[in-house]
PDBML (XML) file of the C-alpha atoms, coordinates in Angstrom:
<?xml version="1.0" encoding="UTF-8" ?>
<PDBx:datablock datablockName="MODEL"
   xmlns:PDBx="http://pdbml.pdb.org/schema/pdbx-v50.xsd"
   xmlns:xsi="http://www.w3.org/2001/XMLSchema-instance"
   xsi:schemaLocation="http://pdbml.pdb.org/schema/pdbx-v50.xsd pdbx-v50.xsd">
   <PDBx:atom_siteCategory>
      <PDBx:atom_site id="1">
         <PDBx:B_iso_or_equiv>0.00</PDBx:B_iso_or_equiv>
         <PDBx:Cartn_x>-3.846</PDBx:Cartn_x>
         <PDBx:Cartn_y>-0.175</PDBx:Cartn_y>
         <PDBx:Cartn_z>1.912</PDBx:Cartn_z>
         <PDBx:auth_asym_id>A</PDBx:auth_asym_id>
         <PDBx:auth_atom_id>CA</PDBx:auth_atom_id>
         <PDBx:auth_comp_id>ALA</PDBx:auth_comp_id>
         <PDBx:auth_seq_id>1</PDBx:auth_seq_id>
         <PDBx:group_PDB>ATOM</PDBx:group_PDB>
         <PDBx:label_alt_id xsi:nil="true" />
         <PDBx:label_asym_id>A</PDBx:label_asym_id>
         <PDBx:label_atom_id>CA</PDBx:label_atom_id>
         <PDBx:label_comp_id>ALA</PDBx:label_comp_id>
         <PDBx:label_entity_id>1</PDBx:label_entity_id>
         <PDBx:label_seq_id>1</PDBx:label_seq_id>
         <PDBx:occupancy>1.00</PDBx:occupancy>
         <PDBx:pdbx_PDB_model_num>1</PDBx:pdbx_PDB_model_num>
         <PDBx:type_symbol>C</PDBx:type_symbol>
      </PDBx:atom_site>
      <PDBx:atom_site id="2">
         <PDBx:B_iso_or_equiv>0.00</PDBx:B_iso_or_equiv>
         <PDBx:Cartn_x>-2.296</PDBx:Cartn_x>
         <PDBx:Cartn_y>-3.625</PDBx:Cartn_y>
         <PDBx:Cartn_z>1.947</PDBx:Cartn_z>
         <PDBx:auth_asym_id>A</PDBx:auth_asym_id>
         <PDBx:auth_atom_id>CA</PDBx:auth_atom_id>
         <PDBx:auth_comp_id>ALA</PDBx:auth_comp_id>
         <PDBx:auth_seq_id>2</PDBx:auth_seq_id>
         <PDBx:group_PDB>ATOM</PDBx:group_PDB>
         <PDBx:label_alt_id xsi:nil="true" />
         <PDBx:label_asym_id>A</PDBx:label_asym_id>
         <PDBx:label_atom_id>CA</PDBx:label_atom_id>
         <PDBx:label_comp_id>ALA</PDBx:label_comp_id>
         <PDBx:label_entity_id>1</PDBx:label_entity_id>
         <PDBx:label_seq_id>2</PDBx:label_seq_id>
         <PDBx:occupancy>1.00</PDBx:occupancy>
         <PDBx:pdbx_PDB_model_num>1</PDBx:pdbx_PDB_model_num>
         <PDBx:type_symbol>C</PDBx:type_symbol>
      </PDBx:atom_site>
      <PDBx:atom_site id="3">
         <PDBx:B_iso_or_equiv>0.00</PDBx:B_iso_or_equiv>
         <PDBx:Cartn_x>1.141</PDBx:Cartn_x>
         <PDBx:Cartn_y>-5.130</PDBx:Cartn_y>
         <PDBx:Cartn_z>1.489</PDBx:Cartn_z>
         <PDBx:auth_asym_id>A</PDBx:auth_asym_id>
         <PDBx:auth_atom_id>CA</PDBx:auth_atom_id>
         <PDBx:auth_comp_id>ILE</PDBx:auth_comp_id>
         <PDBx:auth_seq_id>3</PDBx:auth_seq_id>
         <PDBx:group_PDB>ATOM</PDBx:group_PDB>
         <PDBx:label_alt_id xsi:nil="true" />
         <PDBx:label_asym_id>A</PDBx:label_asym_id>
         <PDBx:label_atom_id>CA</PDBx:label_atom_id>
         <PDBx:label_comp_id>ILE</PDBx:label_comp_id>
         <PDBx:label_entity_id>1</PDBx:label_entity_id>
         <PDBx:label_seq_id>3</PDBx:label_seq_id>
         <PDBx:occupancy>1.00</PDBx:occupancy>
         <PDBx:pdbx_PDB_model_num>1</PDBx:pdbx_PDB_model_num>
         <PDBx:type_symbol>C</PDBx:type_symbol>
      </PDBx:atom_site>
      <PDBx:atom_site id="4">
         <PDBx:B_iso_or_equiv>0.00</PDBx:B_iso_or_equiv>
         <PDBx:Cartn_x>1.942</PDBx:Cartn_x>
         <PDBx:Cartn_y>-8.762</PDBx:Cartn_y>
         <PDBx:Cartn_z>0.829</PDBx:Cartn_z>
         <PDBx:auth_asym_id>A</PDBx:auth_asym_id>
         <PDBx:auth_atom_id>CA</PDBx:auth_atom_id>
         <PDBx:auth_comp_id>THR</PDBx:auth_comp_id>
         <PDBx:auth_seq_id>4</PDBx:auth_seq_id>
         <PDBx:group_PDB>ATOM</PDBx:group_PDB>
         <PDBx:label_alt_id xsi:nil="true" />
         <PDBx:label_asym_id>A</PDBx:label_asym_id>
         <PDBx:label_atom_id>CA</PDBx:label_atom_id>
         <PDBx:label_comp_id>THR</PDBx:label_comp_id>
         <PDBx:label_entity_id>1</PDBx:label_entity_id>
         <PDBx:label_seq_id>4</PDBx:label_seq_id>
         <PDBx:occupancy>1.00</PDBx:occupancy>
         <PDBx:pdbx_PDB_model_num>1</PDBx:pdbx_PDB_model_num>
         <PDBx:type_symbol>C</PDBx:type_symbol>
      </PDBx:atom_site>
      <PDBx:atom_site id="5">
         <PDBx:B_iso_or_equiv>0.00</PDBx:B_iso_or_equiv>
         <PDBx:Cartn_x>4.795</PDBx:Cartn_x>
         <PDBx:Cartn_y>-10.767</PDBx:Cartn_y>
         <PDBx:Cartn_z>2.284</PDBx:Cartn_z>
         <PDBx:auth_asym_id>A</PDBx:auth_asym_id>
         <PDBx:auth_atom_id>CA</PDBx:auth_atom_id>
         <PDBx:auth_comp_id>SER</PDBx:auth_comp_id>
         <PDBx:auth_seq_id>5</PDBx:auth_seq_id>
         <PDBx:group_PDB>ATOM</PDBx:group_PDB>
         <PDBx:label_alt_id xsi:nil="true" />
         <PDBx:label_asym_id>A</PDBx:label_asym_id>
         <PDBx:label_atom_id>CA</PDBx:label_atom_id>
         <PDBx:label_comp_id>SER</PDBx:label_comp_id>
         <PDBx:label_entity_id>1</PDBx:label_entity_id>
         <PDBx:label_seq_id>5</PDBx:label_seq_id>
         <PDBx:occupancy>1.00</PDBx:occupancy>
         <PDBx:pdbx_PDB_model_num>1</PDBx:pdbx_PDB_model_num>
         <PDBx:type_symbol>C</PDBx:type_symbol>
      </PDBx:atom_site>
      <PDBx:atom_site id="6">
         <PDBx:B_iso_or_equiv>0.00</PDBx:B_iso_or_equiv>
         <PDBx:Cartn_x>6.585</PDBx:Cartn_x>
         <PDBx:Cartn_y>-10.169</PDBx:Cartn_y>
         <PDBx:Cartn_z>-1.007</PDBx:Cartn_z>
         <PDBx:auth_asym_id>A</PDBx:auth_asym_id>
         <PDBx:auth_atom_id>CA</PDBx:auth_atom_id>
         <PDBx:auth_comp_id>GLY</PDBx:auth_comp_id>
         <PDBx:auth_seq_id>6</PDBx:auth_seq_id>
         <PDBx:group_PDB>ATOM</PDBx:group_PDB>
         <PDBx:label_alt_id xsi:nil="true" />
         <PDBx:label_asym_id>A</PDBx:label_asym_id>
         <PDBx:label_atom_id>CA</PDBx:label_atom_id>
         <PDBx:label_comp_id>GLY</PDBx:label_comp_id>
         <PDBx:label_entity_id>1</PDBx:label_entity_id>
         <PDBx:label_seq_id>6</PDBx:label_seq_id>
         <PDBx:occupancy>1.00</PDBx:occupancy>
         <PDBx:pdbx_PDB_model_num>1</PDBx:pdbx_PDB_model_num>
         <PDBx:type_symbol>C</PDBx:type_symbol>
      </PDBx:atom_site>
      <PDBx:atom_site id="7">
         <PDBx:B_iso_or_equiv>0.00</PDBx:B_iso_or_equiv>
         <PDBx:Cartn_x>6.136</PDBx:Cartn_x>
         <PDBx:Cartn_y>-6.417</PDBx:Cartn_y>
         <PDBx:Cartn_z>-0.816</PDBx:Cartn_z>
         <PDBx:auth_asym_id>A</PDBx:auth_asym_id>
         <PDBx:auth_atom_id>CA</PDBx:auth_atom_id>
         <PDBx:auth_comp_id>GLY</PDBx:auth_comp_id>
         <PDBx:auth_seq_id>7</PDBx:auth_seq_id>
         <PDBx:group_PDB>ATOM</PDBx:group_PDB>
         <PDBx:label_alt_id xsi:nil="true" />
         <PDBx:label_asym_id>A</PDBx:label_asym_id>
         <PDBx:label_atom_id>CA</PDBx:label_atom_id>
         <PDBx:label_comp_id>GLY</PDBx:label_comp_id>
         <PDBx:label_entity_id>1</PDBx:label_entity_id>
         <PDBx:label_seq_id>7</PDBx:label_seq_id>
         <PDBx:occupancy>1.00</PDBx:occupancy>
         <PDBx:pdbx_PDB_model_num>1</PDBx:pdbx_PDB_model_num>
         <PDBx:type_symbol>C</PDBx:type_symbol>
      </PDBx:atom_site>
      <PDBx:atom_site id="8">
         <PDBx:B_iso_or_equiv>0.00</PDBx:B_iso_or_equiv>
         <PDBx:Cartn_x>3.366</PDBx:Cartn_x>
         <PDBx:Cartn_y>-5.925</PDBx:Cartn_y>
         <PDBx:Cartn_z>-3.374</PDBx:Cartn_z>
         <PDBx:auth_asym_id>A</PDBx:auth_asym_id>
         <PDBx:auth_atom_id>CA</PDBx:auth_atom_id>
         <PDBx:auth_comp_id>SER</PDBx:auth_comp_id>
         <PDBx:auth_seq_id>8</PDBx:auth_seq_id>
         <PDBx:group_PDB>ATOM</PDBx:group_PDB>
         <PDBx:label_alt_id xsi:nil="true" />
         <PDBx:label_asym_id>A</PDBx:label_asym_id>
         <PDBx:label_atom_id>CA</PDBx:label_atom_id>
         <PDBx:label_comp_id>SER</PDBx:label_comp_id>
         <PDBx:label_entity_id>1</PDBx:label_entity_id>
         <PDBx:label_seq_id>8</PDBx:label_seq_id>
         <PDBx:occupancy>1.00</PDBx:occupancy>
         <PDBx:pdbx_PDB_model_num>1</PDBx:pdbx_PDB_model_num>
         <PDBx:type_symbol>C</PDBx:type_symbol>
      </PDBx:atom_site>
      <PDBx:atom_site id="9">
         <PDBx:B_iso_or_equiv>0.00</PDBx:B_iso_or_equiv>
         <PDBx:Cartn_x>0.993</PDBx:Cartn_x>
         <PDBx:Cartn_y>-3.141</PDBx:Cartn_y>
         <PDBx:Cartn_z>-2.439</PDBx:Cartn_z>
         <PDBx:auth_asym_id>A</PDBx:auth_asym_id>
         <PDBx:auth_atom_id>CA</PDBx:auth_atom_id>
         <PDBx:auth_comp_id>THR</PDBx:auth_comp_id>
         <PDBx:auth_seq_id>9</PDBx:auth_seq_id>
         <PDBx:group_PDB>ATOM</PDBx:group_PDB>
         <PDBx:label_alt_id xsi:nil="true" />
         <PDBx:label_asym_id>A</PDBx:label_asym_id>
         <PDBx:label_atom_id>CA</PDBx:label_atom_id>
         <PDBx:label_comp_id>THR</PDBx:label_comp_id>
         <PDBx:label_entity_id>1</PDBx:label_entity_id>
         <PDBx:label_seq_id>9</PDBx:label_seq_id>
         <PDBx:occupancy>1.00</PDBx:occupancy>
         <PDBx:pdbx_PDB_model_num>1</PDBx:pdbx_PDB_model_num>
         <PDBx:type_symbol>C</PDBx:type_symbol>
      </PDBx:atom_site>
      <PDBx:atom_site id="10">
         <PDBx:B_iso_or_equiv>0.00</PDBx:B_iso_or_equiv>
         <PDBx:Cartn_x>-2.502</PDBx:Cartn_x>
         <PDBx:Cartn_y>-2.004</PDBx:Cartn_y>
         <PDBx:Cartn_z>-3.243</PDBx:Cartn_z>
         <PDBx:auth_asym_id>A</PDBx:auth_asym_id>
         <PDBx:auth_atom_id>CA</PDBx:auth_atom_id>
         <PDBx:auth_comp_id>ASN</PDBx:auth_comp_id>
         <PDBx:auth_seq_id>10</PDBx:auth_seq_id>
         <PDBx:group_PDB>ATOM</PDBx:group_PDB>
         <PDBx:label_alt_id xsi:nil="true" />
         <PDBx:label_asym_id>A</PDBx:label_asym_id>
         <PDBx:label_atom_id>CA</PDBx:label_atom_id>
         <PDBx:label_comp_id>ASN</PDBx:label_comp_id>
         <PDBx:label_entity_id>1</PDBx:label_entity_id>
         <PDBx:label_seq_id>10</PDBx:label_seq_id>
         <PDBx:occupancy>1.00</PDBx:occupancy>
         <PDBx:pdbx_PDB_model_num>1</PDBx:pdbx_PDB_model_num>
         <PDBx:type_symbol>C</PDBx:type_symbol>
      </PDBx:atom_site>
      <PDBx:atom_site id="11">
         <PDBx:B_iso_or_equiv>0.00</PDBx:B_iso_or_equiv>
         <PDBx:Cartn_x>-4.500</PDBx:Cartn_x>
         <PDBx:Cartn_y>1.036</PDBx:Cartn_y>
         <PDBx:Cartn_z>-2.197</PDBx:Cartn_z>
         <PDBx:auth_asym_id>A</PDBx:auth_asym_id>
         <PDBx:auth_atom_id>CA</PDBx:auth_atom_id>
         <PDBx:auth_comp_id>TYR</PDBx:auth_comp_id>
         <PDBx:auth_seq_id>11</PDBx:auth_seq_id>
         <PDBx:group_PDB>ATOM</PDBx:group_PDB>
         <PDBx:label_alt_id xsi:nil="true" />
         <PDBx:label_asym_id>A</PDBx:label_asym_id>
         <PDBx:label_atom_id>CA</PDBx:label_atom_id>
         <PDBx:label_comp_id>TYR</PDBx:label_comp_id>
         <PDBx:label_entity_id>1</PDBx:label_entity_id>
         <PDBx:label_seq_id>11</PDBx:label_seq_id>
         <PDBx:occupancy>1.00</PDBx:occupancy>
         <PDBx:pdbx_PDB_model_num>1</PDBx:pdbx_PDB_model_num>
         <PDBx:type_symbol>C</PDBx:type_symbol>
      </PDBx:atom_site>
      <PDBx:atom_site id="12">
         <PDBx:B_iso_or_equiv>0.00</PDBx:B_iso_or_equiv>
         <PDBx:Cartn_x>-8.029</PDBx:Cartn_x>
         <PDBx:Cartn_y>2.275</PDBx:Cartn_y>
         <PDBx:Cartn_z>-2.034</PDBx:Cartn_z>
         <PDBx:auth_asym_id>A</PDBx:auth_asym_id>
         <PDBx:auth_atom_id>CA</PDBx:auth_atom_id>
         <PDBx:auth_comp_id>ALA</PDBx:auth_comp_id>
         <PDBx:auth_seq_id>12</PDBx:auth_seq_id>
         <PDBx:group_PDB>ATOM</PDBx:group_PDB>
         <PDBx:label_alt_id xsi:nil="true" />
         <PDBx:label_asym_id>A</PDBx:label_asym_id>
         <PDBx:label_atom_id>CA</PDBx:label_atom_id>
         <PDBx:label_comp_id>ALA</PDBx:label_comp_id>
         <PDBx:label_entity_id>1</PDBx:label_entity_id>
         <PDBx:label_seq_id>12</PDBx:label_seq_id>
         <PDBx:occupancy>1.00</PDBx:occupancy>
         <PDBx:pdbx_PDB_model_num>1</PDBx:pdbx_PDB_model_num>
         <PDBx:type_symbol>C</PDBx:type_symbol>
      </PDBx:atom_site>
      <PDBx:atom_site id="13">
         <PDBx:B_iso_or_equiv>0.00</PDBx:B_iso_or_equiv>
         <PDBx:Cartn_x>-8.708</PDBx:Cartn_x>
         <PDBx:Cartn_y>4.750</PDBx:Cartn_y>
         <PDBx:Cartn_z>-4.830</PDBx:Cartn_z>
         <PDBx:auth_asym_id>A</PDBx:auth_asym_id>
         <PDBx:auth_atom_id>CA</PDBx:auth_atom_id>
         <PDBx:auth_comp_id>ASP</PDBx:auth_comp_id>
         <PDBx:auth_seq_id>13</PDBx:auth_seq_id>
         <PDBx:group_PDB>ATOM</PDBx:group_PDB>
         <PDBx:label_alt_id xsi:nil="true" />
         <PDBx:label_asym_id>A</PDBx:label_asym_id>
         <PDBx:label_atom_id>CA</PDBx:label_atom_id>
         <PDBx:label_comp_id>ASP</PDBx:label_comp_id>
         <PDBx:label_entity_id>1</PDBx:label_entity_id>
         <PDBx:label_seq_id>13</PDBx:label_seq_id>
         <PDBx:occupancy>1.00</PDBx:occupancy>
         <PDBx:pdbx_PDB_model_num>1</PDBx:pdbx_PDB_model_num>
         <PDBx:type_symbol>C</PDBx:type_symbol>
      </PDBx:atom_site>
      <PDBx:atom_site id="14">
         <PDBx:B_iso_or_equiv>0.00</PDBx:B_iso_or_equiv>
         <PDBx:Cartn_x>-9.446</PDBx:Cartn_x>
         <PDBx:Cartn_y>7.452</PDBx:Cartn_y>
         <PDBx:Cartn_z>-2.266</PDBx:Cartn_z>
         <PDBx:auth_asym_id>A</PDBx:auth_asym_id>
         <PDBx:auth_atom_id>CA</PDBx:auth_atom_id>
         <PDBx:auth_comp_id>SER</PDBx:auth_comp_id>
         <PDBx:auth_seq_id>14</PDBx:auth_seq_id>
         <PDBx:group_PDB>ATOM</PDBx:group_PDB>
         <PDBx:label_alt_id xsi:nil="true" />
         <PDBx:label_asym_id>A</PDBx:label_asym_id>
         <PDBx:label_atom_id>CA</PDBx:label_atom_id>
         <PDBx:label_comp_id>SER</PDBx:label_comp_id>
         <PDBx:label_entity_id>1</PDBx:label_entity_id>
         <PDBx:label_seq_id>14</PDBx:label_seq_id>
         <PDBx:occupancy>1.00</PDBx:occupancy>
         <PDBx:pdbx_PDB_model_num>1</PDBx:pdbx_PDB_model_num>
         <PDBx:type_symbol>C</PDBx:type_symbol>
      </PDBx:atom_site>
      <PDBx:atom_site id="15">
         <PDBx:B_iso_or_equiv>0.00</PDBx:B_iso_or_equiv>
         <PDBx:Cartn_x>-5.880</PDBx:Cartn_x>
         <PDBx:Cartn_y>7.380</PDBx:Cartn_y>
         <PDBx:Cartn_z>-0.908</PDBx:Cartn_z>
         <PDBx:auth_asym_id>A</PDBx:auth_asym_id>
         <PDBx:auth_atom_id>CA</PDBx:auth_atom_id>
         <PDBx:auth_comp_id>VAL</PDBx:auth_comp_id>
         <PDBx:auth_seq_id>15</PDBx:auth_seq_id>
         <PDBx:group_PDB>ATOM</PDBx:group_PDB>
         <PDBx:label_alt_id xsi:nil="true" />
         <PDBx:label_asym_id>A</PDBx:label_asym_id>
         <PDBx:label_atom_id>CA</PDBx:label_atom_id>
         <PDBx:label_comp_id>VAL</PDBx:label_comp_id>
         <PDBx:label_entity_id>1</PDBx:label_entity_id>
         <PDBx:label_seq_id>15</PDBx:label_seq_id>
         <PDBx:occupancy>1.00</PDBx:occupancy>
         <PDBx:pdbx_PDB_model_num>1</PDBx:pdbx_PDB_model_num>
         <PDBx:type_symbol>C</PDBx:type_symbol>
      </PDBx:atom_site>
      <PDBx:atom_site id="16">
         <PDBx:B_iso_or_equiv>0.00</PDBx:B_iso_or_equiv>
         <PDBx:Cartn_x>-3.799</PDBx:Cartn_x>
         <PDBx:Cartn_y>6.607</PDBx:Cartn_y>
         <PDBx:Cartn_z>-3.996</PDBx:Cartn_z>
         <PDBx:auth_asym_id>A</PDBx:auth_asym_id>
         <PDBx:auth_atom_id>CA</PDBx:auth_atom_id>
         <PDBx:auth_comp_id>LYS</PDBx:auth_comp_id>
         <PDBx:auth_seq_id>16</PDBx:auth_seq_id>
         <PDBx:group_PDB>ATOM</PDBx:group_PDB>
         <PDBx:label_alt_id xsi:nil="true" />
         <PDBx:label_asym_id>A</PDBx:label_asym_id>
         <PDBx:label_atom_id>CA</PDBx:label_atom_id>
         <PDBx:label_comp_id>LYS</PDBx:label_comp_id>
         <PDBx:label_entity_id>1</PDBx:label_entity_id>
         <PDBx:label_seq_id>16</PDBx:label_seq_id>
         <PDBx:occupancy>1.00</PDBx:occupancy>
         <PDBx:pdbx_PDB_model_num>1</PDBx:pdbx_PDB_model_num>
         <PDBx:type_symbol>C</PDBx:type_symbol>
      </PDBx:atom_site>
      <PDBx:atom_site id="17">
         <PDBx:B_iso_or_equiv>0.00</PDBx:B_iso_or_equiv>
         <PDBx:Cartn_x>-0.986</PDBx:Cartn_x>
         <PDBx:Cartn_y>9.098</PDBx:Cartn_y>
         <PDBx:Cartn_z>-4.387</PDBx:Cartn_z>
         <PDBx:auth_asym_id>A</PDBx:auth_asym_id>
         <PDBx:auth_atom_id>CA</PDBx:auth_atom_id>
         <PDBx:auth_comp_id>GLY</PDBx:auth_comp_id>
         <PDBx:auth_seq_id>17</PDBx:auth_seq_id>
         <PDBx:group_PDB>ATOM</PDBx:group_PDB>
         <PDBx:label_alt_id xsi:nil="true" />
         <PDBx:label_asym_id>A</PDBx:label_asym_id>
         <PDBx:label_atom_id>CA</PDBx:label_atom_id>
         <PDBx:label_comp_id>GLY</PDBx:label_comp_id>
         <PDBx:label_entity_id>1</PDBx:label_entity_id>
         <PDBx:label_seq_id>17</PDBx:label_seq_id>
         <PDBx:occupancy>1.00</PDBx:occupancy>
         <PDBx:pdbx_PDB_model_num>1</PDBx:pdbx_PDB_model_num>
         <PDBx:type_symbol>C</PDBx:type_symbol>
      </PDBx:atom_site>
      <PDBx:atom_site id="18">
         <PDBx:B_iso_or_equiv>0.00</PDBx:B_iso_or_equiv>
         <PDBx:Cartn_x>-1.356</PDBx:Cartn_x>
         <PDBx:Cartn_y>10.328</PDBx:Cartn_y>
         <PDBx:Cartn_z>-0.798</PDBx:Cartn_z>
         <PDBx:auth_asym_id>A</PDBx:auth_asym_id>
         <PDBx:auth_atom_id>CA</PDBx:auth_atom_id>
         <PDBx:auth_comp_id>ARG</PDBx:auth_comp_id>
         <PDBx:auth_seq_id>18</PDBx:auth_seq_id>
         <PDBx:group_PDB>ATOM</PDBx:group_PDB>
         <PDBx:label_alt_id xsi:nil="true" />
         <PDBx:label_asym_id>A</PDBx:label_asym_id>
         <PDBx:label_atom_id>CA</PDBx:label_atom_id>
         <PDBx:label_comp_id>ARG</PDBx:label_comp_id>
         <PDBx:label_entity_id>1</PDBx:label_entity_id>
         <PDBx:label_seq_id>18</PDBx:label_seq_id>
         <PDBx:occupancy>1.00</PDBx:occupancy>
         <PDBx:pdbx_PDB_model_num>1</PDBx:pdbx_PDB_model_num>
         <PDBx:type_symbol>C</PDBx:type_symbol>
      </PDBx:atom_site>
      <PDBx:atom_site id="19">
         <PDBx:B_iso_or_equiv>0.00</PDBx:B_iso_or_equiv>
         <PDBx:Cartn_x>-0.770</PDBx:Cartn_x>
         <PDBx:Cartn_y>7.270</PDBx:Cartn_y>
         <PDBx:Cartn_z>1.398</PDBx:Cartn_z>
         <PDBx:auth_asym_id>A</PDBx:auth_asym_id>
         <PDBx:auth_atom_id>CA</PDBx:auth_atom_id>
         <PDBx:auth_comp_id>PHE</PDBx:auth_comp_id>
         <PDBx:auth_seq_id>19</PDBx:auth_seq_id>
         <PDBx:group_PDB>ATOM</PDBx:group_PDB>
         <PDBx:label_alt_id xsi:nil="true" />
         <PDBx:label_asym_id>A</PDBx:label_asym_id>
         <PDBx:label_atom_id>CA</PDBx:label_atom_id>
         <PDBx:label_comp_id>PHE</PDBx:label_comp_id>
         <PDBx:label_entity_id>1</PDBx:label_entity_id>
         <PDBx:label_seq_id>19</PDBx:label_seq_id>
         <PDBx:occupancy>1.00</PDBx:occupancy>
         <PDBx:pdbx_PDB_model_num>1</PDBx:pdbx_PDB_model_num>
         <PDBx:type_symbol>C</PDBx:type_symbol>
      </PDBx:atom_site>
      <PDBx:atom_site id="20">
         <PDBx:B_iso_or_equiv>0.00</PDBx:B_iso_or_equiv>
         <PDBx:Cartn_x>2.112</PDBx:Cartn_x>
         <PDBx:Cartn_y>4.810</PDBx:Cartn_y>
         <PDBx:Cartn_z>1.337</PDBx:Cartn_z>
         <PDBx:auth_asym_id>A</PDBx:auth_asym_id>
         <PDBx:auth_atom_id>CA</PDBx:auth_atom_id>
         <PDBx:auth_comp_id>THR</PDBx:auth_comp_id>
         <PDBx:auth_seq_id>20</PDBx:auth_seq_id>
         <PDBx:group_PDB>ATOM</PDBx:group_PDB>
         <PDBx:label_alt_id xsi:nil="true" />
         <PDBx:label_asym_id>A</PDBx:label_asym_id>
         <PDBx:label_atom_id>CA</PDBx:label_atom_id>
         <PDBx:label_comp_id>THR</PDBx:label_comp_id>
         <PDBx:label_entity_id>1</PDBx:label_entity_id>
         <PDBx:label_seq_id>20</PDBx:label_seq_id>
         <PDBx:occupancy>1.00</PDBx:occupancy>
         <PDBx:pdbx_PDB_model_num>1</PDBx:pdbx_PDB_model_num>
         <PDBx:type_symbol>C</PDBx:type_symbol>
      </PDBx:atom_site>
      <PDBx:atom_site id="21">
         <PDBx:B_iso_or_equiv>0.00</PDBx:B_iso_or_equiv>
         <PDBx:Cartn_x>2.231</PDBx:Cartn_x>
         <PDBx:Cartn_y>1.447</PDBx:Cartn_y>
         <PDBx:Cartn_z>3.069</PDBx:Cartn_z>
         <PDBx:auth_asym_id>A</PDBx:auth_asym_id>
         <PDBx:auth_atom_id>CA</PDBx:auth_atom_id>
         <PDBx:auth_comp_id>ILE</PDBx:auth_comp_id>
         <PDBx:auth_seq_id>21</PDBx:auth_seq_id>
         <PDBx:group_PDB>ATOM</PDBx:group_PDB>
         <PDBx:label_alt_id xsi:nil="true" />
         <PDBx:label_asym_id>A</PDBx:label_asym_id>
         <PDBx:label_atom_id>CA</PDBx:label_atom_id>
         <PDBx:label_comp_id>ILE</PDBx:label_comp_id>
         <PDBx:label_entity_id>1</PDBx:label_entity_id>
         <PDBx:label_seq_id>21</PDBx:label_seq_id>
         <PDBx:occupancy>1.00</PDBx:occupancy>
         <PDBx:pdbx_PDB_model_num>1</PDBx:pdbx_PDB_model_num>
         <PDBx:type_symbol>C</PDBx:type_symbol>
      </PDBx:atom_site>
      <PDBx:atom_site id="22">
         <PDBx:B_iso_or_equiv>0.00</PDBx:B_iso_or_equiv>
         <PDBx:Cartn_x>5.585</PDBx:Cartn_x>
         <PDBx:Cartn_y>-0.126</PDBx:Cartn_y>
         <PDBx:Cartn_z>3.878</PDBx:Cartn_z>
         <PDBx:auth_asym_id>A</PDBx:auth_asym_id>
         <PDBx:auth_atom_id>CA</PDBx:auth_atom_id>
         <PDBx:auth_comp_id>SER</PDBx:auth_comp_id>
         <PDBx:auth_seq_id>22</PDBx:auth_seq_id>
         <PDBx:group_PDB>ATOM</PDBx:group_PDB>
         <PDBx:label_alt_id xsi:nil="true" />
         <PDBx:label_asym_id>A</PDBx:label_asym_id>
         <PDBx:label_atom_id>CA</PDBx:label_atom_id>
         <PDBx:label_comp_id>SER</PDBx:label_comp_id>
         <PDBx:label_entity_id>1</PDBx:label_entity_id>
         <PDBx:label_seq_id>22</PDBx:label_seq_id>
         <PDBx:occupancy>1.00</PDBx:occupancy>
         <PDBx:pdbx_PDB_model_num>1</PDBx:pdbx_PDB_model_num>
         <PDBx:type_symbol>C</PDBx:type_symbol>
      </PDBx:atom_site>
      <PDBx:atom_site id="23">
         <PDBx:B_iso_or_equiv>0.00</PDBx:B_iso_or_equiv>
         <PDBx:Cartn_x>7.013</PDBx:Cartn_x>
         <PDBx:Cartn_y>-2.811</PDBx:Cartn_y>
         <PDBx:Cartn_z>6.113</PDBx:Cartn_z>
         <PDBx:auth_asym_id>A</PDBx:auth_asym_id>
         <PDBx:auth_atom_id>CA</PDBx:auth_atom_id>
         <PDBx:auth_comp_id>ARG</PDBx:auth_comp_id>
         <PDBx:auth_seq_id>23</PDBx:auth_seq_id>
         <PDBx:group_PDB>ATOM</PDBx:group_PDB>
         <PDBx:label_alt_id xsi:nil="true" />
         <PDBx:label_asym_id>A</PDBx:label_asym_id>
         <PDBx:label_atom_id>CA</PDBx:label_atom_id>
         <PDBx:label_comp_id>ARG</PDBx:label_comp_id>
         <PDBx:label_entity_id>1</PDBx:label_entity_id>
         <PDBx:label_seq_id>23</PDBx:label_seq_id>
         <PDBx:occupancy>1.00</PDBx:occupancy>
         <PDBx:pdbx_PDB_model_num>1</PDBx:pdbx_PDB_model_num>
         <PDBx:type_symbol>C</PDBx:type_symbol>
      </PDBx:atom_site>
      <PDBx:atom_site id="24">
         <PDBx:B_iso_or_equiv>0.00</PDBx:B_iso_or_equiv>
         <PDBx:Cartn_x>10.221</PDBx:Cartn_x>
         <PDBx:Cartn_y>-3.401</PDBx:Cartn_y>
         <PDBx:Cartn_z>8.039</PDBx:Cartn_z>
         <PDBx:auth_asym_id>A</PDBx:auth_asym_id>
         <PDBx:auth_atom_id>CA</PDBx:auth_atom_id>
         <PDBx:auth_comp_id>ASP</PDBx:auth_comp_id>
         <PDBx:auth_seq_id>24</PDBx:auth_seq_id>
         <PDBx:group_PDB>ATOM</PDBx:group_PDB>
         <PDBx:label_alt_id xsi:nil="true" />
         <PDBx:label_asym_id>A</PDBx:label_asym_id>
         <PDBx:label_atom_id>CA</PDBx:label_atom_id>
         <PDBx:label_comp_id>ASP</PDBx:label_comp_id>
         <PDBx:label_entity_id>1</PDBx:label_entity_id>
         <PDBx:label_seq_id>24</PDBx:label_seq_id>
         <PDBx:occupancy>1.00</PDBx:occupancy>
         <PDBx:pdbx_PDB_model_num>1</PDBx:pdbx_PDB_model_num>
         <PDBx:type_symbol>C</PDBx:type_symbol>
      </PDBx:atom_site>
   </PDBx:atom_siteCategory>
</PDBx:datablock>
């Protein structure tokens, strides 16, 4: 999973719907 400086995210197909990336 990845998250940009602007907060956009993307995930591997194998983890979509199960994993969540976030930043503080």
